[in-house]
Amino acid sequence: DHIEAKIVDENGAIVPVGVTGELCTRGYSTMLGYWKDE
């Protein structure tokens, strides 16, 4: 709940259902960042 997800190819474009790619998520759960490592 309250999380977005998408699967993208090597160019960052969303792939169709059933196609393999890299999983990306977005929402309240994403960390603030890595400590002192921009």
Full PDB file with SEQRES, HELIX, SHEET, SSBOND, CRYST1, ORIGX, SCALE, CONECT and MASTER records, all heavy atoms in Angstrom:
SEQRES   1 A   38  ASP HIS ILE GLU ALA LYS ILE VAL ASP GLU ASN GLY ALA          
SEQRES   2 A   38  ILE VAL PRO VAL GLY VAL THR GLY GLU LEU CYS THR ARG          
SEQRES   3 A   38  GLY TYR SER THR MET LEU GLY TYR TRP LYS ASP GLU              
SHEET    1 AA1 2 ILE A   3  VAL A   8  0                                        
SHEET    2 AA1 2 GLU A  22  GLY A  27 -1                                        
CRYST1    1.000    1.000    1.000  90.00  90.00  90.00 P 1           1          
ORIGX1      1.000000  0.000000  0.000000        0.00000                         
ORIGX2      0.000000  1.000000  0.000000        0.00000                         
ORIGX3      0.000000  0.000000  1.000000        0.00000                         
SCALE1      1.000000  0.000000  0.000000        0.00000                         
SCALE2      0.000000  1.000000  0.000000        0.00000                         
SCALE3      0.000000  0.000000  1.000000        0.00000                         
ATOM      1  N   ASP A   1       0.839  -1.201   0.000  1.00  0.00           N  
ATOM      2  CA  ASP A   1       0.000   0.000   0.000  1.00  0.00           C  
ATOM      3  C   ASP A   1       0.877   1.255   0.000  1.00  0.00           C  
ATOM      4  O   ASP A   1       1.886   1.324   0.706  1.00  0.00           O  
ATOM      5  CB  ASP A   1      -0.896   0.019   1.234  1.00  0.00           C  
ATOM      6  CG  ASP A   1      -1.894  -1.141   1.240  1.00  0.00           C  
ATOM      7  OD1 ASP A   1      -2.144  -1.705   0.158  1.00  0.00           O  
ATOM      8  OD2 ASP A   1      -2.391  -1.476   2.328  1.00  0.00           O  
ATOM      9  N   HIS A   2       0.466   2.241  -0.791  1.00  0.00           N  
ATOM     10  CA  HIS A   2       1.122   3.547  -0.864  1.00  0.00           C  
ATOM     11  C   HIS A   2       2.538   3.482  -1.451  1.00  0.00           C  
ATOM     12  O   HIS A   2       3.344   4.382  -1.232  1.00  0.00           O  
ATOM     13  CB  HIS A   2       1.159   4.229   0.514  1.00  0.00           C  
ATOM     14  CG  HIS A   2      -0.176   4.269   1.191  1.00  0.00           C  
ATOM     15  ND1 HIS A   2      -1.222   5.017   0.710  1.00  0.00           N  
ATOM     16  CD2 HIS A   2      -0.640   3.613   2.283  1.00  0.00           C  
ATOM     17  CE1 HIS A   2      -2.278   4.838   1.493  1.00  0.00           C  
ATOM     18  NE2 HIS A   2      -1.950   3.996   2.452  1.00  0.00           N  
ATOM     19  N   ILE A   3       2.835   2.408  -2.183  1.00  0.00           N  
ATOM     20  CA  ILE A   3       4.117   2.274  -2.881  1.00  0.00           C  
ATOM     21  C   ILE A   3       3.834   2.134  -4.375  1.00  0.00           C  
ATOM     22  O   ILE A   3       2.888   1.451  -4.772  1.00  0.00           O  
ATOM     23  CB  ILE A   3       4.898   1.022  -2.408  1.00  0.00           C  
ATOM     24  CG1 ILE A   3       5.184   1.104  -0.909  1.00  0.00           C  
ATOM     25  CG2 ILE A   3       6.196   0.842  -3.196  1.00  0.00           C  
ATOM     26  CD1 ILE A   3       6.203   2.126  -0.510  1.00  0.00           C  
ATOM     27  N   GLU A   4       4.637   2.796  -5.196  1.00  0.00           N  
ATOM     28  CA  GLU A   4       4.564   2.622  -6.647  1.00  0.00           C  
ATOM     29  C   GLU A   4       5.667   1.666  -7.087  1.00  0.00           C  
ATOM     30  O   GLU A   4       6.725   1.592  -6.455  1.00  0.00           O  
ATOM     31  CB  GLU A   4       4.781   3.952  -7.367  1.00  0.00           C  
ATOM     32  CG  GLU A   4       3.722   5.002  -7.104  1.00  0.00           C  
ATOM     33  CD  GLU A   4       4.095   6.323  -7.759  1.00  0.00           C  
ATOM     34  OE1 GLU A   4       4.895   7.061  -7.153  1.00  0.00           O  
ATOM     35  OE2 GLU A   4       3.621   6.577  -8.872  1.00  0.00           O  
ATOM     36  N   ALA A   5       5.424   0.952  -8.188  1.00  0.00           N  
ATOM     37  CA  ALA A   5       6.439   0.052  -8.725  1.00  0.00           C  
ATOM     38  C   ALA A   5       6.378   0.064 -10.243  1.00  0.00           C  
ATOM     39  O   ALA A   5       5.299   0.229 -10.833  1.00  0.00           O  
ATOM     40  CB  ALA A   5       6.242  -1.367  -8.195  1.00  0.00           C  
ATOM     41  N   LYS A   6       7.527  -0.122 -10.861  1.00  0.00           N  
ATOM     42  CA  LYS A   6       7.579  -0.260 -12.312  1.00  0.00           C  
ATOM     43  C   LYS A   6       8.768  -1.152 -12.659  1.00  0.00           C  
ATOM     44  O   LYS A   6       9.702  -1.317 -11.862  1.00  0.00           O  
ATOM     45  CB  LYS A   6       7.722   1.098 -13.000  1.00  0.00           C  
ATOM     46  CG  LYS A   6       9.033   1.837 -12.718  1.00  0.00           C  
ATOM     47  CD  LYS A   6       9.101   3.162 -13.463  1.00  0.00           C  
ATOM     48  CE  LYS A   6      10.426   3.898 -13.194  1.00  0.00           C  
ATOM     49  NZ  LYS A   6      10.522   5.171 -13.936  1.00  0.00           N  
ATOM     50  N   ILE A   7       8.726  -1.724 -13.857  1.00  0.00           N  
ATOM     51  CA  ILE A   7       9.826  -2.538 -14.355  1.00  0.00           C  
ATOM     52  C   ILE A   7      10.308  -1.899 -15.654  1.00  0.00           C  
ATOM     53  O   ILE A   7       9.501  -1.619 -16.548  1.00  0.00           O  
ATOM     54  CB  ILE A   7       9.392  -3.996 -14.572  1.00  0.00           C  
ATOM     55  CG1 ILE A   7       9.013  -4.612 -13.212  1.00  0.00           C  
ATOM     56  CG2 ILE A   7      10.493  -4.810 -15.241  1.00  0.00           C  
ATOM     57  CD1 ILE A   7       8.453  -6.013 -13.305  1.00  0.00           C  
ATOM     58  N   VAL A   8      11.623  -1.649 -15.732  1.00  0.00           N  
ATOM     59  CA  VAL A   8      12.157  -0.877 -16.855  1.00  0.00           C  
ATOM     60  C   VAL A   8      13.268  -1.648 -17.574  1.00  0.00           C  
ATOM     61  O   VAL A   8      13.904  -2.541 -17.009  1.00  0.00           O  
ATOM     62  CB  VAL A   8      12.701   0.490 -16.381  1.00  0.00           C  
ATOM     63  CG1 VAL A   8      11.600   1.296 -15.706  1.00  0.00           C  
ATOM     64  CG2 VAL A   8      13.893   0.317 -15.435  1.00  0.00           C  
ATOM     65  N   ASP A   9      13.491  -1.248 -18.839  1.00  0.00           N  
ATOM     66  CA  ASP A   9      14.600  -1.834 -19.602  1.00  0.00           C  
ATOM     67  C   ASP A   9      15.881  -1.052 -19.331  1.00  0.00           C  
ATOM     68  O   ASP A   9      15.907  -0.134 -18.498  1.00  0.00           O  
ATOM     69  CB  ASP A   9      14.274  -1.886 -21.101  1.00  0.00           C  
ATOM     70  CG  ASP A   9      14.051  -0.503 -21.710  1.00  0.00           C  
ATOM     71  OD1 ASP A   9      14.515   0.505 -21.126  1.00  0.00           O  
ATOM     72  OD2 ASP A   9      13.416  -0.420 -22.778  1.00  0.00           O  
ATOM     73  N   GLU A  10      16.954  -1.404 -20.057  1.00  0.00           N  
ATOM     74  CA  GLU A  10      18.246  -0.768 -19.793  1.00  0.00           C  
ATOM     75  C   GLU A  10      18.260   0.720 -20.113  1.00  0.00           C  
ATOM     76  O   GLU A  10      19.146   1.460 -19.654  1.00  0.00           O  
ATOM     77  CB  GLU A  10      19.359  -1.467 -20.582  1.00  0.00           C  
ATOM     78  CG  GLU A  10      19.193  -1.454 -22.080  1.00  0.00           C  
ATOM     79  CD  GLU A  10      18.367  -2.620 -22.601  1.00  0.00           C  
ATOM     80  OE1 GLU A  10      17.663  -3.278 -21.796  1.00  0.00           O  
ATOM     81  OE2 GLU A  10      18.418  -2.881 -23.817  1.00  0.00           O  
ATOM     82  N   ASN A  11      17.256   1.200 -20.847  1.00  0.00           N  
ATOM     83  CA  ASN A  11      17.152   2.628 -21.165  1.00  0.00           C  
ATOM     84  C   ASN A  11      16.217   3.380 -20.226  1.00  0.00           C  
ATOM     85  O   ASN A  11      15.998   4.583 -20.387  1.00  0.00           O  
ATOM     86  CB  ASN A  11      16.684   2.810 -22.615  1.00  0.00           C  
ATOM     87  CG  ASN A  11      17.664   2.221 -23.616  1.00  0.00           C  
ATOM     88  OD1 ASN A  11      18.879   2.422 -23.486  1.00  0.00           O  
ATOM     89  ND2 ASN A  11      17.158   1.493 -24.592  1.00  0.00           N  
ATOM     90  N   GLY A  12      15.649   2.657 -19.252  1.00  0.00           N  
ATOM     91  CA  GLY A  12      14.745   3.286 -18.295  1.00  0.00           C  
ATOM     92  C   GLY A  12      13.298   3.344 -18.727  1.00  0.00           C  
ATOM     93  O   GLY A  12      12.465   3.928 -18.024  1.00  0.00           O  
ATOM     94  N   ALA A  13      12.969   2.725 -19.868  1.00  0.00           N  
ATOM     95  CA  ALA A  13      11.584   2.719 -20.348  1.00  0.00           C  
ATOM     96  C   ALA A  13      10.818   1.550 -19.733  1.00  0.00           C  
ATOM     97  O   ALA A  13      11.357   0.443 -19.601  1.00  0.00           O  
ATOM     98  CB  ALA A  13      11.559   2.609 -21.875  1.00  0.00           C  
ATOM     99  N   ILE A  14       9.558   1.792 -19.367  1.00  0.00           N  
ATOM    100  CA  ILE A  14       8.730   0.748 -18.773  1.00  0.00           C  
ATOM    101  C   ILE A  14       8.471  -0.356 -19.801  1.00  0.00           C  
ATOM    102  O   ILE A  14       8.125  -0.077 -20.957  1.00  0.00           O  
ATOM    103  CB  ILE A  14       7.392   1.331 -18.275  1.00  0.00           C  
ATOM    104  CG1 ILE A  14       7.655   2.328 -17.137  1.00  0.00           C  
ATOM    105  CG2 ILE A  14       6.470   0.221 -17.791  1.00  0.00           C  
ATOM    106  CD1 ILE A  14       6.417   3.055 -16.647  1.00  0.00           C  
ATOM    107  N   VAL A  15       8.661  -1.608 -19.370  1.00  0.00           N  
ATOM    108  CA  VAL A  15       8.459  -2.745 -20.269  1.00  0.00           C  
ATOM    109  C   VAL A  15       7.018  -3.243 -20.160  1.00  0.00           C  
ATOM    110  O   VAL A  15       6.332  -2.988 -19.171  1.00  0.00           O  
ATOM    111  CB  VAL A  15       9.434  -3.890 -19.944  1.00  0.00           C  
ATOM    112  CG1 VAL A  15      10.878  -3.420 -20.080  1.00  0.00           C  
ATOM    113  CG2 VAL A  15       9.185  -4.444 -18.548  1.00  0.00           C  
ATOM    114  N   PRO A  16       6.530  -3.966 -21.175  1.00  0.00           N  
ATOM    115  CA  PRO A  16       5.172  -4.520 -21.114  1.00  0.00           C  
ATOM    116  C   PRO A  16       5.047  -5.597 -20.038  1.00  0.00           C  
ATOM    117  O   PRO A  16       6.049  -6.167 -19.575  1.00  0.00           O  
ATOM    118  CB  PRO A  16       4.972  -5.122 -22.513  1.00  0.00           C  
ATOM    119  CG  PRO A  16       6.016  -4.493 -23.368  1.00  0.00           C  
ATOM    120  CD  PRO A  16       7.171  -4.210 -22.471  1.00  0.00           C  
ATOM    121  N   VAL A  17       3.810  -5.914 -19.653  1.00  0.00           N  
ATOM    122  CA  VAL A  17       3.532  -7.018 -18.734  1.00  0.00           C  
ATOM    123  C   VAL A  17       4.145  -8.295 -19.297  1.00  0.00           C  
ATOM    124  O   VAL A  17       4.079  -8.571 -20.496  1.00  0.00           O  
ATOM    125  CB  VAL A  17       2.004  -7.185 -18.559  1.00  0.00           C  
ATOM    126  CG1 VAL A  17       1.688  -8.519 -17.892  1.00  0.00           C  
ATOM    127  CG2 VAL A  17       1.432  -6.034 -17.741  1.00  0.00           C  
ATOM    128  N   GLY A  18       4.792  -9.063 -18.428  1.00  0.00           N  
ATOM    129  CA  GLY A  18       5.374 -10.325 -18.853  1.00  0.00           C  
ATOM    130  C   GLY A  18       6.790 -10.229 -19.373  1.00  0.00           C  
ATOM    131  O   GLY A  18       7.404 -11.247 -19.703  1.00  0.00           O  
ATOM    132  N   VAL A  19       7.336  -9.010 -19.450  1.00  0.00           N  
ATOM    133  CA  VAL A  19       8.699  -8.819 -19.958  1.00  0.00           C  
ATOM    134  C   VAL A  19       9.634  -8.515 -18.781  1.00  0.00           C  
ATOM    135  O   VAL A  19       9.301  -7.738 -17.889  1.00  0.00           O  
ATOM    136  CB  VAL A  19       8.750  -7.678 -20.996  1.00  0.00           C  
ATOM    137  CG1 VAL A  19      10.188  -7.404 -21.420  1.00  0.00           C  
ATOM    138  CG2 VAL A  19       7.891  -8.028 -22.203  1.00  0.00           C  
ATOM    139  N   THR A  20      10.811  -9.117 -18.798  1.00  0.00           N  
ATOM    140  CA  THR A  20      11.784  -8.957 -17.717  1.00  0.00           C  
ATOM    141  C   THR A  20      12.518  -7.621 -17.830  1.00  0.00           C  
ATOM    142  O   THR A  20      12.846  -7.164 -18.924  1.00  0.00           O  
ATOM    143  CB  THR A  20      12.809 -10.097 -17.745  1.00  0.00           C  
ATOM    144  OG1 THR A  20      12.116 -11.339 -17.554  1.00  0.00           O  
ATOM    145  CG2 THR A  20      13.848  -9.940 -16.644  1.00  0.00           C  
ATOM    146  N   GLY A  21      12.754  -7.006 -16.685  1.00  0.00           N  
ATOM    147  CA  GLY A  21      13.528  -5.766 -16.615  1.00  0.00           C  
ATOM    148  C   GLY A  21      13.948  -5.508 -15.183  1.00  0.00           C  
ATOM    149  O   GLY A  21      13.816  -6.381 -14.320  1.00  0.00           O  
ATOM    150  N   GLU A  22      14.448  -4.303 -14.920  1.00  0.00           N  
ATOM    151  CA  GLU A  22      14.859  -3.966 -13.556  1.00  0.00           C  
ATOM    152  C   GLU A  22      13.683  -3.386 -12.781  1.00  0.00           C  
ATOM    153  O   GLU A  22      12.977  -2.492 -13.260  1.00  0.00           O  
ATOM    154  CB  GLU A  22      16.013  -2.961 -13.557  1.00  0.00           C  
ATOM    155  CG  GLU A  22      16.491  -2.628 -12.136  1.00  0.00           C  
ATOM    156  CD  GLU A  22      17.705  -1.729 -12.075  1.00  0.00           C  
ATOM    157  OE1 GLU A  22      18.201  -1.320 -13.160  1.00  0.00           O  
ATOM    158  OE2 GLU A  22      18.172  -1.423 -10.960  1.00  0.00           O  
ATOM    159  N   LEU A  23      13.487  -3.908 -11.571  1.00  0.00           N  
ATOM    160  CA  LEU A  23      12.396  -3.440 -10.719  1.00  0.00           C  
ATOM    161  C   LEU A  23      12.778  -2.136 -10.038  1.00  0.00           C  
ATOM    162  O   LEU A  23      13.867  -2.013  -9.467  1.00  0.00           O  
ATOM    163  CB  LEU A  23      12.072  -4.499  -9.664  1.00  0.00           C  
ATOM    164  CG  LEU A  23      10.989  -4.137  -8.642  1.00  0.00           C  
ATOM    165  CD1 LEU A  23       9.641  -3.902  -9.321  1.00  0.00           C  
ATOM    166  CD2 LEU A  23      10.863  -5.232  -7.588  1.00  0.00           C  
ATOM    167  N   CYS A  24      11.868  -1.153 -10.098  1.00  0.00           N  
ATOM    168  CA  CYS A  24      12.047   0.134  -9.432  1.00  0.00           C  
ATOM    169  C   CYS A  24      10.844   0.400  -8.536  1.00  0.00           C  
ATOM    170  O   CYS A  24       9.714   0.023  -8.881  1.00  0.00           O  
ATOM    171  CB  CYS A  24      12.160   1.267 -10.449  1.00  0.00           C  
ATOM    172  SG  CYS A  24      13.448   1.047 -11.683  1.00  0.00           S  
ATOM    173  N   THR A  25      11.061   1.036  -7.402  1.00  0.00           N  
ATOM    174  CA  THR A  25       9.959   1.389  -6.510  1.00  0.00           C  
ATOM    175  C   THR A  25      10.080   2.842  -6.069  1.00  0.00           C  
ATOM    176  O   THR A  25      11.152   3.433  -6.103  1.00  0.00           O  
ATOM    177  CB  THR A  25       9.934   0.483  -5.256  1.00  0.00           C  
ATOM    178  OG1 THR A  25      11.136   0.658  -4.513  1.00  0.00           O  
ATOM    179  CG2 THR A  25       9.767  -0.979  -5.639  1.00  0.00           C  
ATOM    180  N   ARG A  26       8.948   3.402  -5.637  1.00  0.00           N  
ATOM    181  CA  ARG A  26       8.927   4.797  -5.184  1.00  0.00           C  
ATOM    182  C   ARG A  26       7.840   4.953  -4.131  1.00  0.00           C  
ATOM    183  O   ARG A  26       6.773   4.362  -4.232  1.00  0.00           O  
ATOM    184  CB  ARG A  26       8.657   5.729  -6.369  1.00  0.00           C  
ATOM    185  CG  ARG A  26       8.643   7.210  -5.996  1.00  0.00           C  
ATOM    186  CD  ARG A  26       8.658   8.102  -7.228  1.00  0.00           C  
ATOM    187  NE  ARG A  26       7.424   8.053  -7.998  1.00  0.00           N  
ATOM    188  CZ  ARG A  26       7.174   8.813  -9.070  1.00  0.00           C  
ATOM    189  NH1 ARG A  26       8.098   9.658  -9.504  1.00  0.00           N  
ATOM    190  NH2 ARG A  26       6.036   8.718  -9.724  1.00  0.00           N  
ATOM    191  N   GLY A  27       8.128   5.756  -3.120  1.00  0.00           N  
ATOM    192  CA  GLY A  27       7.120   5.999  -2.103  1.00  0.00           C  
ATOM    193  C   GLY A  27       7.723   6.325  -0.752  1.00  0.00           C  
ATOM    194  O   GLY A  27       8.925   6.582  -0.629  1.00  0.00           O  
ATOM    195  N   TYR A  28       6.866   6.289   0.295  1.00  0.00           N  
ATOM    196  CA  TYR A  28       7.279   6.699   1.640  1.00  0.00           C  
ATOM    197  C   TYR A  28       8.445   5.866   2.176  1.00  0.00           C  
ATOM    198  O   TYR A  28       9.198   6.304   3.044  1.00  0.00           O  
ATOM    199  CB  TYR A  28       6.097   6.556   2.612  1.00  0.00           C  
ATOM    200  CG  TYR A  28       5.798   5.120   2.959  1.00  0.00           C  
ATOM    201  CD1 TYR A  28       6.518   4.472   3.966  1.00  0.00           C  
ATOM    202  CD2 TYR A  28       4.847   4.378   2.266  1.00  0.00           C  
ATOM    203  CE1 TYR A  28       6.291   3.146   4.267  1.00  0.00           C  
ATOM    204  CE2 TYR A  28       4.618   3.055   2.560  1.00  0.00           C  
ATOM    205  CZ  TYR A  28       5.339   2.442   3.560  1.00  0.00           C  
ATOM    206  OH  TYR A  28       5.125   1.114   3.841  1.00  0.00           O  
ATOM    207  N   SER A  29       8.604   4.624   1.672  1.00  0.00           N  
ATOM    208  CA  SER A  29       9.586   3.712   2.271  1.00  0.00           C  
ATOM    209  C   SER A  29      11.017   3.956   1.794  1.00  0.00           C  
ATOM    210  O   SER A  29      11.962   3.454   2.402  1.00  0.00           O  
ATOM    211  CB  SER A  29       9.202   2.254   1.974  1.00  0.00           C  
ATOM    212  OG  SER A  29       9.372   1.966   0.598  1.00  0.00           O  
ATOM    213  N   THR A  30      11.191   4.726   0.719  1.00  0.00           N  
ATOM    214  CA  THR A  30      12.543   4.928   0.182  1.00  0.00           C  
ATOM    215  C   THR A  30      13.409   5.698   1.177  1.00  0.00           C  
ATOM    216  O   THR A  30      13.000   6.737   1.700  1.00  0.00           O  
ATOM    217  CB  THR A  30      12.490   5.689  -1.151  1.00  0.00           C  
ATOM    218  OG1 THR A  30      11.656   4.978  -2.066  1.00  0.00           O  
ATOM    219  CG2 THR A  30      13.874   5.827  -1.754  1.00  0.00           C  
ATOM    220  N   MET A  31      14.588   5.170   1.434  1.00  0.00           N  
ATOM    221  CA  MET A  31      15.504   5.774   2.400  1.00  0.00           C  
ATOM    222  C   MET A  31      15.786   7.248   2.064  1.00  0.00           C  
ATOM    223  O   MET A  31      15.591   7.698   0.936  1.00  0.00           O  
ATOM    224  CB  MET A  31      16.827   4.997   2.408  1.00  0.00           C  
ATOM    225  CG  MET A  31      17.612   5.101   1.104  1.00  0.00           C  
ATOM    226  SD  MET A  31      19.227   4.310   1.198  1.00  0.00           S  
ATOM    227  CE  MET A  31      19.818   4.588  -0.492  1.00  0.00           C  
ATOM    228  N   LEU A  32      16.302   7.967   3.045  1.00  0.00           N  
ATOM    229  CA  LEU A  32      16.719   9.345   2.804  1.00  0.00           C  
ATOM    230  C   LEU A  32      17.953   9.375   1.910  1.00  0.00           C  
ATOM    231  O   LEU A  32      18.158  10.328   1.158  1.00  0.00           O  
ATOM    232  CB  LEU A  32      17.014  10.042   4.128  1.00  0.00           C  
ATOM    233  CG  LEU A  32      15.839  10.150   5.120  1.00  0.00           C  
ATOM    234  CD1 LEU A  32      16.282  10.860   6.389  1.00  0.00           C  
ATOM    235  CD2 LEU A  32      14.655  10.860   4.494  1.00  0.00           C  
ATOM    236  N   GLY A  33      18.771   8.335   1.988  1.00  0.00           N  
ATOM    237  CA  GLY A  33      19.987   8.253   1.175  1.00  0.00           C  
ATOM    238  C   GLY A  33      21.038   7.461   1.922  1.00  0.00           C  
ATOM    239  O   GLY A  33      20.806   6.972   3.038  1.00  0.00           O  
ATOM    240  N   TYR A  34      22.205   7.291   1.307  1.00  0.00           N  
ATOM    241  CA  TYR A  34      23.336   6.667   1.991  1.00  0.00           C  
ATOM    242  C   TYR A  34      24.088   7.737   2.780  1.00  0.00           C  
ATOM    243  O   TYR A  34      24.356   8.828   2.271  1.00  0.00           O  
ATOM    244  CB  TYR A  34      24.282   6.010   0.984  1.00  0.00           C  
ATOM    245  CG  TYR A  34      23.693   4.817   0.268  1.00  0.00           C  
ATOM    246  CD1 TYR A  34      23.665   4.761  -1.121  1.00  0.00           C  
ATOM    247  CD2 TYR A  34      23.175   3.730   0.984  1.00  0.00           C  
ATOM    248  CE1 TYR A  34      23.133   3.670  -1.784  1.00  0.00           C  
ATOM    249  CE2 TYR A  34      22.641   2.632   0.330  1.00  0.00           C  
ATOM    250  CZ  TYR A  34      22.625   2.607  -1.062  1.00  0.00           C  
ATOM    251  OH  TYR A  34      22.097   1.524  -1.718  1.00  0.00           O  
ATOM    252  N   TRP A  35      24.431   7.437   4.006  1.00  0.00           N  
ATOM    253  CA  TRP A  35      25.057   8.392   4.915  1.00  0.00           C  
ATOM    254  C   TRP A  35      26.348   8.937   4.326  1.00  0.00           C  
ATOM    255  O   TRP A  35      27.287   8.209   4.032  1.00  0.00           O  
ATOM    256  CB  TRP A  35      25.322   7.710   6.257  1.00  0.00           C  
ATOM    257  CG  TRP A  35      25.895   8.595   7.314  1.00  0.00           C  
ATOM    258  CD1 TRP A  35      27.188   8.644   7.736  1.00  0.00           C  
ATOM    259  CD2 TRP A  35      25.179   9.558   8.106  1.00  0.00           C  
ATOM    260  NE1 TRP A  35      27.331   9.573   8.738  1.00  0.00           N  
ATOM    261  CE2 TRP A  35      26.116  10.146   8.984  1.00  0.00           C  
ATOM    262  CE3 TRP A  35      23.845   9.979   8.154  1.00  0.00           C  
ATOM    263  CZ2 TRP A  35      25.758  11.122   9.904  1.00  0.00           C  
ATOM    264  CZ3 TRP A  35      23.489  10.950   9.073  1.00  0.00           C  
ATOM    265  CH2 TRP A  35      24.430  11.515   9.931  1.00  0.00           C  
ATOM    266  N   LYS A  36      26.375  10.254   4.151  1.00  0.00           N  
ATOM    267  CA  LYS A  36      27.559  10.965   3.648  1.00  0.00           C  
ATOM    268  C   LYS A  36      28.117  10.339   2.370  1.00  0.00           C  
ATOM    269  O   LYS A  36      29.330  10.181   2.223  1.00  0.00           O  
ATOM    270  CB  LYS A  36      28.634  11.020   4.746  1.00  0.00           C  
ATOM    271  CG  LYS A  36      28.224  11.833   5.969  1.00  0.00           C  
ATOM    272  CD  LYS A  36      29.340  11.915   6.986  1.00  0.00           C  
ATOM    273  CE  LYS A  36      28.913  12.779   8.190  1.00  0.00           C  
ATOM    274  NZ  LYS A  36      29.962  12.850   9.235  1.00  0.00           N  
ATOM    275  N   ASP A  37      27.230  10.005   1.465  1.00  0.00           N  
ATOM    276  CA  ASP A  37      27.668   9.370   0.213  1.00  0.00           C  
ATOM    277  C   ASP A  37      26.685   9.718  -0.905  1.00  0.00           C  
ATOM    278  O   ASP A  37      25.880   8.890  -1.341  1.00  0.00           O  
ATOM    279  CB  ASP A  37      27.768   7.855   0.389  1.00  0.00           C  
ATOM    280  CG  ASP A  37      28.654   7.203  -0.665  1.00  0.00           C  
ATOM    281  OD1 ASP A  37      28.805   7.788  -1.758  1.00  0.00           O  
ATOM    282  OD2 ASP A  37      29.190   6.117  -0.399  1.00  0.00           O  
ATOM    283  N   GLU A  38      26.756  10.965  -1.348  1.00  0.00           N  
ATOM    284  CA  GLU A  38      25.820  11.430  -2.373  1.00  0.00           C  
ATOM    285  C   GLU A  38      26.017  10.696  -3.700  1.00  0.00           C  
ATOM    286  O   GLU A  38      25.052  10.439  -4.424  1.00  0.00           O  
ATOM    287  CB  GLU A  38      25.984  12.938  -2.588  1.00  0.00           C  
ATOM    288  CG  GLU A  38      25.524  13.780  -1.405  1.00  0.00           C  
ATOM    289  CD  GLU A  38      25.610  15.267  -1.698  1.00  0.00           C  
ATOM    290  OE1 GLU A  38      25.866  15.628  -2.862  1.00  0.00           O  
ATOM    291  OE2 GLU A  38      25.426  16.060  -0.754  1.00  0.00           O  
TER     292      GLU A  38                                                      
MASTER        0    0    0    0    2    0    0    6  291    1    0    3          
END                                                                             
